[in-house]
PDB file of all heavy atoms in Angstrom:
ATOM      1  N   ALA A   1      -8.813 -19.683 -19.555  1.00  0.00           N
ATOM      2  CA  ALA A   1      -7.705 -18.897 -19.012  1.00  0.00           C
ATOM      3  C   ALA A   1      -8.207 -17.702 -18.208  1.00  0.00           C
ATOM      4  O   ALA A   1      -7.710 -17.413 -17.108  1.00  0.00           O
ATOM      5  CB  ALA A   1      -6.798 -18.420 -20.147  1.00  0.00           C
ATOM      6  N   THR A   2      -9.223 -16.997 -18.744  1.00  0.00           N
ATOM      7  CA  THR A   2      -9.764 -15.833 -18.036  1.00  0.00           C
ATOM      8  C   THR A   2     -10.450 -16.242 -16.740  1.00  0.00           C
ATOM      9  O   THR A   2     -10.222 -15.659 -15.676  1.00  0.00           O
ATOM     10  CB  THR A   2     -10.766 -15.086 -18.936  1.00  0.00           C
ATOM     11  OG1 THR A   2     -10.123 -14.726 -20.162  1.00  0.00           O
ATOM     12  CG2 THR A   2     -11.261 -13.833 -18.238  1.00  0.00           C
ATOM     13  N   LYS A   3     -11.282 -17.276 -16.837  1.00  0.00           N
ATOM     14  CA  LYS A   3     -11.984 -17.762 -15.653  1.00  0.00           C
ATOM     15  C   LYS A   3     -11.015 -18.352 -14.629  1.00  0.00           C
ATOM     16  O   LYS A   3     -11.249 -18.298 -13.423  1.00  0.00           O
ATOM     17  CB  LYS A   3     -13.003 -18.828 -16.061  1.00  0.00           C
ATOM     18  CG  LYS A   3     -14.269 -18.271 -16.675  1.00  0.00           C
ATOM     19  CD  LYS A   3     -15.235 -17.772 -15.596  1.00  0.00           C
ATOM     20  CE  LYS A   3     -16.575 -17.424 -16.185  1.00  0.00           C
ATOM     21  NZ  LYS A   3     -17.530 -16.954 -15.156  1.00  0.00           N
ATOM     22  N   GLU A   4      -9.925 -18.940 -15.114  1.00  0.00           N
ATOM     23  CA  GLU A   4      -8.943 -19.542 -14.217  1.00  0.00           C
ATOM     24  C   GLU A   4      -8.323 -18.487 -13.319  1.00  0.00           C
ATOM     25  O   GLU A   4      -8.178 -18.672 -12.108  1.00  0.00           O
ATOM     26  CB  GLU A   4      -7.867 -20.242 -15.050  1.00  0.00           C
ATOM     27  CG  GLU A   4      -7.048 -21.260 -14.287  1.00  0.00           C
ATOM     28  CD  GLU A   4      -6.162 -22.067 -15.215  1.00  0.00           C
ATOM     29  OE1 GLU A   4      -5.301 -21.439 -15.881  1.00  0.00           O
ATOM     30  OE2 GLU A   4      -6.300 -23.299 -15.286  1.00  0.00           O
ATOM     31  N   GLN A   5      -7.947 -17.348 -13.915  1.00  0.00           N
ATOM     32  CA  GLN A   5      -7.379 -16.260 -13.115  1.00  0.00           C
ATOM     33  C   GLN A   5      -8.402 -15.700 -12.138  1.00  0.00           C
ATOM     34  O   GLN A   5      -8.094 -15.420 -10.982  1.00  0.00           O
ATOM     35  CB  GLN A   5      -6.870 -15.141 -14.040  1.00  0.00           C
ATOM     36  CG  GLN A   5      -5.641 -15.503 -14.838  1.00  0.00           C
ATOM     37  CD  GLN A   5      -4.411 -15.641 -13.958  1.00  0.00           C
ATOM     38  OE1 GLN A   5      -4.083 -14.769 -13.182  1.00  0.00           O
ATOM     39  NE2 GLN A   5      -3.735 -16.772 -14.073  1.00  0.00           N
ATOM     40  N   ARG A   6      -9.628 -15.555 -12.603  1.00  0.00           N
ATOM     41  CA  ARG A   6     -10.677 -15.005 -11.745  1.00  0.00           C
ATOM     42  C   ARG A   6     -10.991 -15.952 -10.590  1.00  0.00           C
ATOM     43  O   ARG A   6     -11.167 -15.535  -9.443  1.00  0.00           O
ATOM     44  CB  ARG A   6     -11.936 -14.742 -12.578  1.00  0.00           C
ATOM     45  CG  ARG A   6     -13.061 -14.049 -11.810  1.00  0.00           C
ATOM     46  CD  ARG A   6     -12.611 -12.656 -11.367  1.00  0.00           C
ATOM     47  NE  ARG A   6     -13.573 -12.027 -10.502  1.00  0.00           N
ATOM     48  CZ  ARG A   6     -14.564 -11.237 -10.927  1.00  0.00           C
ATOM     49  NH1 ARG A   6     -14.705 -11.004 -12.222  1.00  0.00           N
ATOM     50  NH2 ARG A   6     -15.378 -10.678 -10.068  1.00  0.00           N
ATOM     51  N   SER A   7     -11.072 -17.242 -10.884  1.00  0.00           N
ATOM     52  CA  SER A   7     -11.367 -18.210  -9.831  1.00  0.00           C
ATOM     53  C   SER A   7     -10.240 -18.260  -8.805  1.00  0.00           C
ATOM     54  O   SER A   7     -10.493 -18.379  -7.595  1.00  0.00           O
ATOM     55  CB  SER A   7     -11.596 -19.594 -10.440  1.00  0.00           C
ATOM     56  OG  SER A   7     -10.424 -20.085 -11.071  1.00  0.00           O
ATOM     57  N   ALA A   8      -8.997 -18.153  -9.261  1.00  0.00           N
ATOM     58  CA  ALA A   8      -7.864 -18.158  -8.336  1.00  0.00           C
ATOM     59  C   ALA A   8      -7.883 -16.923  -7.446  1.00  0.00           C
ATOM     60  O   ALA A   8      -7.608 -16.994  -6.239  1.00  0.00           O
ATOM     61  CB  ALA A   8      -6.554 -18.219  -9.121  1.00  0.00           C
ATOM     62  N   GLU A   9      -8.231 -15.786  -8.038  1.00  0.00           N
ATOM     63  CA  GLU A   9      -8.308 -14.539  -7.267  1.00  0.00           C
ATOM     64  C   GLU A   9      -9.368 -14.642  -6.179  1.00  0.00           C
ATOM     65  O   GLU A   9      -9.130 -14.271  -5.015  1.00  0.00           O
ATOM     66  CB  GLU A   9      -8.627 -13.381  -8.217  1.00  0.00           C
ATOM     67  CG  GLU A   9      -8.793 -12.036  -7.531  1.00  0.00           C
ATOM     68  CD  GLU A   9      -9.304 -10.981  -8.491  1.00  0.00           C
ATOM     69  OE1 GLU A   9      -8.543 -10.613  -9.407  1.00  0.00           O
ATOM     70  OE2 GLU A   9     -10.467 -10.553  -8.345  1.00  0.00           O
ATOM     71  N   GLU A  10     -10.538 -15.152  -6.539  1.00  0.00           N
ATOM     72  CA  GLU A  10     -11.620 -15.257  -5.553  1.00  0.00           C
ATOM     73  C   GLU A  10     -11.304 -16.293  -4.483  1.00  0.00           C
ATOM     74  O   GLU A  10     -11.590 -16.082  -3.300  1.00  0.00           O
ATOM     75  CB  GLU A  10     -12.935 -15.598  -6.260  1.00  0.00           C
ATOM     76  CG  GLU A  10     -13.445 -14.489  -7.129  1.00  0.00           C
ATOM     77  CD  GLU A  10     -14.900 -14.655  -7.516  1.00  0.00           C
ATOM     78  OE1 GLU A  10     -15.564 -15.562  -6.959  1.00  0.00           O
ATOM     79  OE2 GLU A  10     -15.376 -13.879  -8.360  1.00  0.00           O
ATOM     80  N   ALA A  11     -10.706 -17.418  -4.876  1.00  0.00           N
ATOM     81  CA  ALA A  11     -10.339 -18.427  -3.894  1.00  0.00           C
ATOM     82  C   ALA A  11      -9.295 -17.887  -2.925  1.00  0.00           C
ATOM     83  O   ALA A  11      -9.361 -18.146  -1.714  1.00  0.00           O
ATOM     84  CB  ALA A  11      -9.814 -19.679  -4.600  1.00  0.00           C
ATOM     85  N   GLY A  12      -8.333 -17.122  -3.453  1.00  0.00           N
ATOM     86  CA  GLY A  12      -7.326 -16.508  -2.589  1.00  0.00           C
ATOM     87  C   GLY A  12      -7.933 -15.503  -1.632  1.00  0.00           C
ATOM     88  O   GLY A  12      -7.576 -15.447  -0.442  1.00  0.00           O
ATOM     89  N   LEU A  13      -8.868 -14.687  -2.138  1.00  0.00           N
ATOM     90  CA  LEU A  13      -9.553 -13.712  -1.288  1.00  0.00           C
ATOM     91  C   LEU A  13     -10.279 -14.402  -0.141  1.00  0.00           C
ATOM     92  O   LEU A  13     -10.144 -14.011   1.031  1.00  0.00           O
ATOM     93  CB  LEU A  13     -10.533 -12.904  -2.148  1.00  0.00           C
ATOM     94  CG  LEU A  13     -11.327 -11.771  -1.496  1.00  0.00           C
ATOM     95  CD1 LEU A  13     -11.726 -10.740  -2.561  1.00  0.00           C
ATOM     96  CD2 LEU A  13     -12.596 -12.261  -0.790  1.00  0.00           C
ATOM     97  N   LEU A  14     -11.048 -15.435  -0.462  1.00  0.00           N
ATOM     98  CA  LEU A  14     -11.838 -16.122   0.564  1.00  0.00           C
ATOM     99  C   LEU A  14     -10.945 -16.868   1.548  1.00  0.00           C
ATOM    100  O   LEU A  14     -11.261 -16.973   2.741  1.00  0.00           O
ATOM    101  CB  LEU A  14     -12.827 -17.084  -0.097  1.00  0.00           C
ATOM    102  CG  LEU A  14     -13.914 -16.403  -0.928  1.00  0.00           C
ATOM    103  CD1 LEU A  14     -14.722 -17.433  -1.707  1.00  0.00           C
ATOM    104  CD2 LEU A  14     -14.842 -15.571  -0.054  1.00  0.00           C
ATOM    105  N   ARG A  15      -9.809 -17.374   1.086  1.00  0.00           N
ATOM    106  CA  ARG A  15      -8.900 -18.063   1.989  1.00  0.00           C
ATOM    107  C   ARG A  15      -8.269 -17.103   2.994  1.00  0.00           C
ATOM    108  O   ARG A  15      -8.141 -17.411   4.185  1.00  0.00           O
ATOM    109  CB  ARG A  15      -7.806 -18.785   1.188  1.00  0.00           C
ATOM    110  CG  ARG A  15      -6.837 -19.565   2.057  1.00  0.00           C
ATOM    111  CD  ARG A  15      -5.795 -20.270   1.211  1.00  0.00           C
ATOM    112  NE  ARG A  15      -5.046 -19.345   0.370  1.00  0.00           N
ATOM    113  CZ  ARG A  15      -4.052 -18.584   0.809  1.00  0.00           C
ATOM    114  NH1 ARG A  15      -3.710 -18.603   2.078  1.00  0.00           N
ATOM    115  NH2 ARG A  15      -3.413 -17.794  -0.022  1.00  0.00           N
ATOM    116  N   ILE A  16      -7.879 -15.926   2.529  1.00  0.00           N
ATOM    117  CA  ILE A  16      -7.298 -14.930   3.438  1.00  0.00           C
ATOM    118  C   ILE A  16      -8.337 -14.494   4.469  1.00  0.00           C
ATOM    119  O   ILE A  16      -8.035 -14.350   5.667  1.00  0.00           O
ATOM    120  CB  ILE A  16      -6.779 -13.721   2.638  1.00  0.00           C
ATOM    121  CG1 ILE A  16      -5.619 -14.144   1.730  1.00  0.00           C
ATOM    122  CG2 ILE A  16      -6.322 -12.619   3.587  1.00  0.00           C
ATOM    123  CD1 ILE A  16      -5.199 -13.075   0.747  1.00  0.00           C
ATOM    124  N   VAL A  17      -9.571 -14.274   4.011  1.00  0.00           N
ATOM    125  CA  VAL A  17     -10.652 -13.898   4.936  1.00  0.00           C
ATOM    126  C   VAL A  17     -10.864 -14.994   5.974  1.00  0.00           C
ATOM    127  O   VAL A  17     -11.022 -14.729   7.173  1.00  0.00           O
ATOM    128  CB  VAL A  17     -11.955 -13.641   4.147  1.00  0.00           C
ATOM    129  CG1 VAL A  17     -13.144 -13.537   5.090  1.00  0.00           C
ATOM    130  CG2 VAL A  17     -11.820 -12.369   3.313  1.00  0.00           C
ATOM    131  N   ALA A  18     -10.849 -16.255   5.522  1.00  0.00           N
ATOM    132  CA  ALA A  18     -11.017 -17.368   6.462  1.00  0.00           C
ATOM    133  C   ALA A  18      -9.896 -17.396   7.490  1.00  0.00           C
ATOM    134  O   ALA A  18     -10.122 -17.703   8.668  1.00  0.00           O
ATOM    135  CB  ALA A  18     -11.062 -18.688   5.694  1.00  0.00           C
ATOM    136  N   GLY A  19      -8.673 -17.065   7.069  1.00  0.00           N
ATOM    137  CA  GLY A  19      -7.565 -17.004   8.011  1.00  0.00           C
ATOM    138  C   GLY A  19      -7.795 -15.971   9.100  1.00  0.00           C
ATOM    139  O   GLY A  19      -7.488 -16.199  10.277  1.00  0.00           O
ATOM    140  N   ALA A  20      -8.352 -14.815   8.717  1.00  0.00           N
ATOM    141  CA  ALA A  20      -8.673 -13.778   9.706  1.00  0.00           C
ATOM    142  C   ALA A  20      -9.739 -14.274  10.676  1.00  0.00           C
ATOM    143  O   ALA A  20      -9.632 -14.084  11.896  1.00  0.00           O
ATOM    144  CB  ALA A  20      -9.142 -12.506   8.992  1.00  0.00           C
ATOM    145  N   PHE A  21     -10.771 -14.922  10.133  1.00  0.00           N
ATOM    146  CA  PHE A  21     -11.818 -15.471  11.001  1.00  0.00           C
ATOM    147  C   PHE A  21     -11.235 -16.518  11.958  1.00  0.00           C
ATOM    148  O   PHE A  21     -11.621 -16.606  13.123  1.00  0.00           O
ATOM    149  CB  PHE A  21     -12.921 -16.123  10.164  1.00  0.00           C
ATOM    150  CG  PHE A  21     -13.745 -15.156   9.358  1.00  0.00           C
ATOM    151  CD1 PHE A  21     -14.630 -15.613   8.391  1.00  0.00           C
ATOM    152  CD2 PHE A  21     -13.650 -13.782   9.555  1.00  0.00           C
ATOM    153  CE1 PHE A  21     -15.403 -14.739   7.638  1.00  0.00           C
ATOM    154  CE2 PHE A  21     -14.414 -12.895   8.808  1.00  0.00           C
ATOM    155  CZ  PHE A  21     -15.291 -13.373   7.840  1.00  0.00           C
ATOM    156  N   GLY A  22     -10.303 -17.323  11.452  1.00  0.00           N
ATOM    157  CA  GLY A  22      -9.738 -18.392  12.260  1.00  0.00           C
ATOM    158  C   GLY A  22      -8.992 -17.893  13.482  1.00  0.00           C
ATOM    159  O   GLY A  22      -9.039 -18.520  14.552  1.00  0.00           O
ATOM    160  N   ILE A  23      -8.285 -16.765  13.352  1.00  0.00           N
ATOM    161  CA  ILE A  23      -7.541 -16.220  14.489  1.00  0.00           C
ATOM    162  C   ILE A  23      -8.482 -15.910  15.645  1.00  0.00           C
ATOM    163  O   ILE A  23      -8.199 -16.238  16.807  1.00  0.00           O
ATOM    164  CB  ILE A  23      -6.761 -14.959  14.058  1.00  0.00           C
ATOM    165  CG1 ILE A  23      -5.658 -15.344  13.054  1.00  0.00           C
ATOM    166  CG2 ILE A  23      -6.150 -14.253  15.267  1.00  0.00           C
ATOM    167  CD1 ILE A  23      -4.944 -14.150  12.461  1.00  0.00           C
ATOM    168  N   THR A  24      -9.611 -15.284  15.352  1.00  0.00           N
ATOM    169  CA  THR A  24     -10.541 -14.926  16.420  1.00  0.00           C
ATOM    170  C   THR A  24     -11.350 -16.127  16.903  1.00  0.00           C
ATOM    171  O   THR A  24     -11.639 -16.231  18.095  1.00  0.00           O
ATOM    172  CB  THR A  24     -11.495 -13.815  15.946  1.00  0.00           C
ATOM    173  OG1 THR A  24     -11.954 -14.109  14.620  1.00  0.00           O
ATOM    174  CG2 THR A  24     -10.797 -12.480  15.914  1.00  0.00           C
ATOM    175  N   LEU A  25     -11.699 -17.037  16.003  1.00  0.00           N
ATOM    176  CA  LEU A  25     -12.488 -18.199  16.427  1.00  0.00           C
ATOM    177  C   LEU A  25     -11.702 -19.096  17.384  1.00  0.00           C
ATOM    178  O   LEU A  25     -12.259 -19.621  18.356  1.00  0.00           O
ATOM    179  CB  LEU A  25     -12.942 -18.996  15.208  1.00  0.00           C
ATOM    180  CG  LEU A  25     -14.073 -18.366  14.386  1.00  0.00           C
ATOM    181  CD1 LEU A  25     -14.318 -19.155  13.112  1.00  0.00           C
ATOM    182  CD2 LEU A  25     -15.358 -18.274  15.209  1.00  0.00           C
ATOM    183  N   GLN A  26     -10.425 -19.276  17.127  1.00  0.00           N
ATOM    184  CA  GLN A  26      -9.622 -20.073  18.060  1.00  0.00           C
ATOM    185  C   GLN A  26      -9.496 -19.360  19.404  1.00  0.00           C
ATOM    186  O   GLN A  26      -9.456 -20.005  20.459  1.00  0.00           O
ATOM    187  CB  GLN A  26      -8.231 -20.347  17.477  1.00  0.00           C
ATOM    188  CG  GLN A  26      -8.228 -21.263  16.262  1.00  0.00           C
ATOM    189  CD  GLN A  26      -8.505 -22.719  16.603  1.00  0.00           C
ATOM    190  OE1 GLN A  26      -8.931 -23.045  17.698  1.00  0.00           O
ATOM    191  NE2 GLN A  26      -8.261 -23.608  15.644  1.00  0.00           N
ATOM    192  N   GLY A  27      -9.447 -18.024  19.380  1.00  0.00           N
ATOM    193  CA  GLY A  27      -9.448 -17.274  20.632  1.00  0.00           C
ATOM    194  C   GLY A  27     -10.747 -17.440  21.401  1.00  0.00           C
ATOM    195  O   GLY A  27     -10.749 -17.533  22.642  1.00  0.00           O
TER     196      GLY A  27
END
């Protein structure tokens, strides 16, 4: 349960960062 929350938090963080990278890479 503890690791599940932590893994979800990190996956969400990295996904948002990837979205930011994607905006500029497509440009």
